[in-house]
Amino acid sequence: MFIYYTYIILPIYRPDPRFITFQKEGSVGVRLSGGNETGVFVTAVQAGSPASLQGLQPGDKILKVS
């Protein structure tokens, strides 16, 4: 069984949200911070990970995960 994640993110350098989707096979390769009223932000992305291959970058704000 594979788990697919869909993230809606607000990139740090672009004003428009975008959707990224990837299949989780072990580690997603992303470190997050926040979780309070300011939001959840990407603080690190592991090179070669599903997150980096889909363009997730440090500073991106996670708007929704499903």
PDB file of N, CA and C in Angstrom:
ATOM      1  N   MET A   1       0.832  -1.172   0.000  1.00  0.00           N
ATOM      2  CA  MET A   1       0.000   0.000   0.000  1.00  0.00           C
ATOM      3  C   MET A   1       0.883   1.243   0.000  1.00  0.00           C
ATOM      4  N   PHE A   2       0.596   2.168  -0.885  1.00  0.00           N
ATOM      5  CA  PHE A   2       1.343   3.405  -0.966  1.00  0.00           C
ATOM      6  C   PHE A   2       0.500   4.535  -0.382  1.00  0.00           C
ATOM      7  N   ILE A   3       1.164   5.465   0.238  1.00  0.00           N
ATOM      8  CA  ILE A   3       0.499   6.641   0.780  1.00  0.00           C
ATOM      9  C   ILE A   3       0.891   7.831  -0.085  1.00  0.00           C
ATOM     10  N   TYR A   4      -0.090   8.540  -0.577  1.00  0.00           N
ATOM     11  CA  TYR A   4       0.160   9.730  -1.373  1.00  0.00           C
ATOM     12  C   TYR A   4      -0.185  10.958  -0.549  1.00  0.00           C
ATOM     13  N   TYR A   5       0.656  11.957  -0.620  1.00  0.00           N
ATOM     14  CA  TYR A   5       0.420  13.220   0.060  1.00  0.00           C
ATOM     15  C   TYR A   5       0.210  14.306  -0.980  1.00  0.00           C
ATOM     16  N   THR A   6      -0.747  15.161  -0.740  1.00  0.00           N
ATOM     17  CA  THR A   6      -0.931  16.343  -1.554  1.00  0.00           C
ATOM     18  C   THR A   6      -0.765  17.543  -0.644  1.00  0.00           C
ATOM     19  N   TYR A   7       0.162  18.408  -0.980  1.00  0.00           N
ATOM     20  CA  TYR A   7       0.417  19.618  -0.211  1.00  0.00           C
ATOM     21  C   TYR A   7      -0.068  20.809  -1.013  1.00  0.00           C
ATOM     22  N   ILE A   8      -0.692  21.736  -0.354  1.00  0.00           N
ATOM     23  CA  ILE A   8      -0.949  23.043  -0.944  1.00  0.00           C
ATOM     24  C   ILE A   8       0.011  23.981  -0.231  1.00  0.00           C
ATOM     25  N   ILE A   9       0.908  24.585  -0.980  1.00  0.00           N
ATOM     26  CA  ILE A   9       1.933  25.421  -0.366  1.00  0.00           C
ATOM     27  C   ILE A   9       1.881  26.834  -0.920  1.00  0.00           C
ATOM     28  N   LEU A  10       2.371  27.748  -0.131  1.00  0.00           N
ATOM     29  CA  LEU A  10       2.547  29.128  -0.554  1.00  0.00           C
ATOM     30  C   LEU A  10       4.053  29.360  -0.622  1.00  0.00           C
ATOM     31  N   PRO A  11       4.632  29.298  -1.826  1.00  0.00           N
ATOM     32  CA  PRO A  11       6.074  29.452  -1.953  1.00  0.00           C
ATOM     33  C   PRO A  11       6.550  30.814  -1.456  1.00  0.00           C
ATOM     34  N   ILE A  12       7.715  30.834  -0.884  1.00  0.00           N
ATOM     35  CA  ILE A  12       8.265  32.053  -0.293  1.00  0.00           C
ATOM     36  C   ILE A  12       8.508  33.129  -1.351  1.00  0.00           C
ATOM     37  N   TYR A  13       8.836  32.746  -2.584  1.00  0.00           N
ATOM     38  CA  TYR A  13       9.178  33.736  -3.607  1.00  0.00           C
ATOM     39  C   TYR A  13       8.078  33.956  -4.642  1.00  0.00           C
ATOM     40  N   ARG A  14       6.889  33.329  -4.430  1.00  0.00           N
ATOM     41  CA  ARG A  14       5.790  33.500  -5.385  1.00  0.00           C
ATOM     42  C   ARG A  14       4.512  33.798  -4.615  1.00  0.00           C
ATOM     43  N   PRO A  15       3.650  34.639  -5.131  1.00  0.00           N
ATOM     44  CA  PRO A  15       2.441  35.019  -4.395  1.00  0.00           C
ATOM     45  C   PRO A  15       1.298  34.011  -4.503  1.00  0.00           C
ATOM     46  N   ASP A  16       1.367  33.087  -5.468  1.00  0.00           N
ATOM     47  CA  ASP A  16       0.261  32.169  -5.692  1.00  0.00           C
ATOM     48  C   ASP A  16       0.531  30.798  -5.082  1.00  0.00           C
ATOM     49  N   PRO A  17      -0.473  30.235  -4.402  1.00  0.00           N
ATOM     50  CA  PRO A  17      -0.315  28.866  -3.884  1.00  0.00           C
ATOM     51  C   PRO A  17      -0.143  27.880  -5.035  1.00  0.00           C
ATOM     52  N   ARG A  18       0.494  26.761  -4.758  1.00  0.00           N
ATOM     53  CA  ARG A  18       0.606  25.698  -5.754  1.00  0.00           C
ATOM     54  C   ARG A  18       0.409  24.356  -5.068  1.00  0.00           C
ATOM     55  N   PHE A  19       0.067  23.362  -5.856  1.00  0.00           N
ATOM     56  CA  PHE A  19      -0.181  22.021  -5.362  1.00  0.00           C
ATOM     57  C   PHE A  19       1.008  21.141  -5.709  1.00  0.00           C
ATOM     58  N   ILE A  20       1.444  20.336  -4.767  1.00  0.00           N
ATOM     59  CA  ILE A  20       2.441  19.318  -5.067  1.00  0.00           C
ATOM     60  C   ILE A  20       1.925  18.000  -4.507  1.00  0.00           C
ATOM     61  N   THR A  21       2.214  16.924  -5.196  1.00  0.00           N
ATOM     62  CA  THR A  21       1.791  15.594  -4.773  1.00  0.00           C
ATOM     63  C   THR A  21       2.969  14.654  -4.896  1.00  0.00           C
ATOM     64  N   PHE A  22       3.155  13.807  -3.899  1.00  0.00           N
ATOM     65  CA  PHE A  22       4.185  12.790  -3.998  1.00  0.00           C
ATOM     66  C   PHE A  22       3.789  11.569  -3.197  1.00  0.00           C
ATOM     67  N   GLN A  23       4.406  10.459  -3.561  1.00  0.00           N
ATOM     68  CA  GLN A  23       4.169   9.183  -2.911  1.00  0.00           C
ATOM     69  C   GLN A  23       5.170   9.009  -1.788  1.00  0.00           C
ATOM     70  N   LYS A  24       4.678   8.651  -0.617  1.00  0.00           N
ATOM     71  CA  LYS A  24       5.573   8.460   0.524  1.00  0.00           C
ATOM     72  C   LYS A  24       6.096   7.037   0.522  1.00  0.00           C
ATOM     73  N   GLU A  25       7.381   6.903   0.396  1.00  0.00           N
ATOM     74  CA  GLU A  25       8.068   5.621   0.487  1.00  0.00           C
ATOM     75  C   GLU A  25       9.193   5.804   1.491  1.00  0.00           C
ATOM     76  N   GLY A  26       8.900   5.668   2.771  1.00  0.00           N
ATOM     77  CA  GLY A  26       9.881   5.952   3.809  1.00  0.00           C
ATOM     78  C   GLY A  26       9.801   7.424   4.177  1.00  0.00           C
ATOM     79  N   SER A  27      10.933   8.074   4.262  1.00  0.00           N
ATOM     80  CA  SER A  27      10.971   9.474   4.671  1.00  0.00           C
ATOM     81  C   SER A  27      10.500  10.392   3.546  1.00  0.00           C
ATOM     82  N   VAL A  28       9.748  11.415   3.922  1.00  0.00           N
ATOM     83  CA  VAL A  28       9.327  12.434   2.965  1.00  0.00           C
ATOM     84  C   VAL A  28      10.485  13.377   2.673  1.00  0.00           C
ATOM     85  N   GLY A  29      11.385  13.560   3.648  1.00  0.00           N
ATOM     86  CA  GLY A  29      12.565  14.394   3.442  1.00  0.00           C
ATOM     87  C   GLY A  29      12.350  15.859   3.702  1.00  0.00           C
ATOM     88  N   VAL A  30      11.468  16.175   4.650  1.00  0.00           N
ATOM     89  CA  VAL A  30      11.186  17.573   4.935  1.00  0.00           C
ATOM     90  C   VAL A  30      11.135  17.783   6.443  1.00  0.00           C
ATOM     91  N   ARG A  31      11.642  18.923   6.875  1.00  0.00           N
ATOM     92  CA  ARG A  31      11.550  19.319   8.286  1.00  0.00           C
ATOM     93  C   ARG A  31      10.661  20.547   8.357  1.00  0.00           C
ATOM     94  N   LEU A  32       9.709  20.520   9.295  1.00  0.00           N
ATOM     95  CA  LEU A  32       8.740  21.602   9.428  1.00  0.00           C
ATOM     96  C   LEU A  32       8.903  22.310  10.759  1.00  0.00           C
ATOM     97  N   SER A  33       8.444  23.557  10.817  1.00  0.00           N
ATOM     98  CA  SER A  33       8.405  24.296  12.082  1.00  0.00           C
ATOM     99  C   SER A  33       7.122  25.112  12.107  1.00  0.00           C
ATOM    100  N   GLY A  34       6.784  25.580  13.274  1.00  0.00           N
ATOM    101  CA  GLY A  34       5.581  26.387  13.428  1.00  0.00           C
ATOM    102  C   GLY A  34       4.460  25.559  14.004  1.00  0.00           C
ATOM    103  N   GLY A  35       3.281  25.732  13.445  1.00  0.00           N
ATOM    104  CA  GLY A  35       2.120  25.014  13.920  1.00  0.00           C
ATOM    105  C   GLY A  35       1.257  25.865  14.831  1.00  0.00           C
ATOM    106  N   ASN A  36       1.587  27.129  14.911  1.00  0.00           N
ATOM    107  CA  ASN A  36       0.788  28.047  15.720  1.00  0.00           C
ATOM    108  C   ASN A  36      -0.025  28.938  14.787  1.00  0.00           C
ATOM    109  N   GLU A  37      -0.451  30.087  15.259  1.00  0.00           N
ATOM    110  CA  GLU A  37      -1.296  30.960  14.436  1.00  0.00           C
ATOM    111  C   GLU A  37      -0.577  31.529  13.210  1.00  0.00           C
ATOM    112  N   THR A  38       0.758  31.477  13.171  1.00  0.00           N
ATOM    113  CA  THR A  38       1.470  31.979  11.993  1.00  0.00           C
ATOM    114  C   THR A  38       1.549  30.954  10.878  1.00  0.00           C
ATOM    115  N   GLY A  39       1.342  29.693  11.175  1.00  0.00           N
ATOM    116  CA  GLY A  39       1.346  28.651  10.153  1.00  0.00           C
ATOM    117  C   GLY A  39       2.456  27.642  10.328  1.00  0.00           C
ATOM    118  N   VAL A  40       2.535  26.737   9.364  1.00  0.00           N
ATOM    119  CA  VAL A  40       3.559  25.697   9.327  1.00  0.00           C
ATOM    120  C   VAL A  40       4.465  25.982   8.141  1.00  0.00           C
ATOM    121  N   PHE A  41       5.773  25.998   8.403  1.00  0.00           N
ATOM    122  CA  PHE A  41       6.752  26.344   7.381  1.00  0.00           C
ATOM    123  C   PHE A  41       7.774  25.237   7.199  1.00  0.00           C
ATOM    124  N   VAL A  42       8.273  25.113   5.975  1.00  0.00           N
ATOM    125  CA  VAL A  42       9.354  24.179   5.662  1.00  0.00           C
ATOM    126  C   VAL A  42      10.654  24.827   6.117  1.00  0.00           C
ATOM    127  N   THR A  43      11.404  24.127   6.972  1.00  0.00           N
ATOM    128  CA  THR A  43      12.691  24.668   7.417  1.00  0.00           C
ATOM    129  C   THR A  43      13.877  23.970   6.762  1.00  0.00           C
ATOM    130  N   ALA A  44      13.681  22.740   6.280  1.00  0.00           N
ATOM    131  CA  ALA A  44      14.760  22.017   5.604  1.00  0.00           C
ATOM    132  C   ALA A  44      14.164  20.969   4.679  1.00  0.00           C
ATOM    133  N   VAL A  45      14.856  20.705   3.573  1.00  0.00           N
ATOM    134  CA  VAL A  45      14.449  19.683   2.617  1.00  0.00           C
ATOM    135  C   VAL A  45      15.674  18.841   2.288  1.00  0.00           C
ATOM    136  N   GLN A  46      15.542  17.530   2.428  1.00  0.00           N
ATOM    137  CA  GLN A  46      16.651  16.615   2.156  1.00  0.00           C
ATOM    138  C   GLN A  46      16.837  16.465   0.644  1.00  0.00           C
ATOM    139  N   ALA A  47      18.061  16.592   0.187  1.00  0.00           N
ATOM    140  CA  ALA A  47      18.364  16.456  -1.245  1.00  0.00           C
ATOM    141  C   ALA A  47      17.956  15.073  -1.745  1.00  0.00           C
ATOM    142  N   GLY A  48      17.311  15.028  -2.895  1.00  0.00           N
ATOM    143  CA  GLY A  48      16.910  13.769  -3.507  1.00  0.00           C
ATOM    144  C   GLY A  48      15.650  13.148  -2.925  1.00  0.00           C
ATOM    145  N   SER A  49      15.052  13.785  -1.962  1.00  0.00           N
ATOM    146  CA  SER A  49      13.840  13.260  -1.316  1.00  0.00           C
ATOM    147  C   SER A  49      12.609  13.533  -2.182  1.00  0.00           C
ATOM    148  N   PRO A  50      11.479  12.848  -1.904  1.00  0.00           N
ATOM    149  CA  PRO A  50      10.254  13.159  -2.646  1.00  0.00           C
ATOM    150  C   PRO A  50       9.883  14.636  -2.553  1.00  0.00           C
ATOM    151  N   ALA A  51      10.085  15.250  -1.389  1.00  0.00           N
ATOM    152  CA  ALA A  51       9.761  16.676  -1.221  1.00  0.00           C
ATOM    153  C   ALA A  51      10.626  17.553  -2.127  1.00  0.00           C
ATOM    154  N   SER A  52      11.924  17.279  -2.183  1.00  0.00           N
ATOM    155  CA  SER A  52      12.804  18.112  -3.016  1.00  0.00           C
ATOM    156  C   SER A  52      12.547  17.886  -4.502  1.00  0.00           C
ATOM    157  N   LEU A  53      12.222  16.663  -4.885  1.00  0.00           N
ATOM    158  CA  LEU A  53      11.950  16.375  -6.293  1.00  0.00           C
ATOM    159  C   LEU A  53      10.683  17.072  -6.786  1.00  0.00           C
ATOM    160  N   GLN A  54       9.786  17.419  -5.871  1.00  0.00           N
ATOM    161  CA  GLN A  54       8.576  18.142  -6.236  1.00  0.00           C
ATOM    162  C   GLN A  54       8.722  19.650  -6.045  1.00  0.00           C
ATOM    163  N   GLY A  55       9.900  20.100  -5.620  1.00  0.00           N
ATOM    164  CA  GLY A  55      10.169  21.529  -5.556  1.00  0.00           C
ATOM    165  C   GLY A  55       9.884  22.210  -4.231  1.00  0.00           C
ATOM    166  N   LEU A  56       9.641  21.443  -3.166  1.00  0.00           N
ATOM    167  CA  LEU A  56       9.462  22.051  -1.848  1.00  0.00           C
ATOM    168  C   LEU A  56      10.774  22.697  -1.433  1.00  0.00           C
ATOM    169  N   GLN A  57      10.712  23.915  -0.897  1.00  0.00           N
ATOM    170  CA  GLN A  57      11.915  24.660  -0.535  1.00  0.00           C
ATOM    171  C   GLN A  57      11.785  25.223   0.872  1.00  0.00           C
ATOM    172  N   PRO A  58      12.916  25.382   1.568  1.00  0.00           N
ATOM    173  CA  PRO A  58      12.861  26.033   2.879  1.00  0.00           C
ATOM    174  C   PRO A  58      12.201  27.406   2.753  1.00  0.00           C
ATOM    175  N   GLY A  59      11.317  27.716   3.681  1.00  0.00           N
ATOM    176  CA  GLY A  59      10.598  28.974   3.667  1.00  0.00           C
ATOM    177  C   GLY A  59       9.177  28.853   3.134  1.00  0.00           C
ATOM    178  N   ASP A  60       8.887  27.754   2.391  1.00  0.00           N
ATOM    179  CA  ASP A  60       7.528  27.546   1.892  1.00  0.00           C
ATOM    180  C   ASP A  60       6.576  27.369   3.066  1.00  0.00           C
ATOM    181  N   LYS A  61       5.377  27.910   2.937  1.00  0.00           N
ATOM    182  CA  LYS A  61       4.349  27.782   3.962  1.00  0.00           C
ATOM    183  C   LYS A  61       3.366  26.696   3.537  1.00  0.00           C
ATOM    184  N   ILE A  62       3.138  25.723   4.410  1.00  0.00           N
ATOM    185  CA  ILE A  62       2.195  24.655   4.138  1.00  0.00           C
ATOM    186  C   ILE A  62       0.797  25.151   4.475  1.00  0.00           C
ATOM    187  N   LEU A  63      -0.074  25.153   3.492  1.00  0.00           N
ATOM    188  CA  LEU A  63      -1.450  25.613   3.714  1.00  0.00           C
ATOM    189  C   LEU A  63      -2.386  24.455   4.008  1.00  0.00           C
ATOM    190  N   LYS A  64      -2.142  23.280   3.410  1.00  0.00           N
ATOM    191  CA  LYS A  64      -3.016  22.146   3.625  1.00  0.00           C
ATOM    192  C   LYS A  64      -2.295  20.866   3.221  1.00  0.00           C
ATOM    193  N   VAL A  65      -2.538  19.780   3.953  1.00  0.00           N
ATOM    194  CA  VAL A  65      -2.023  18.471   3.608  1.00  0.00           C
ATOM    195  C   VAL A  65      -3.199  17.507   3.616  1.00  0.00           C
ATOM    196  N   SER A  66      -3.304  16.702   2.591  1.00  0.00           N
ATOM    197  CA  SER A  66      -4.370  15.693   2.572  1.00  0.00           C
ATOM    198  C   SER A  66      -3.832  14.374   2.085  1.00  0.00           C
TER     199      SER A  66
END
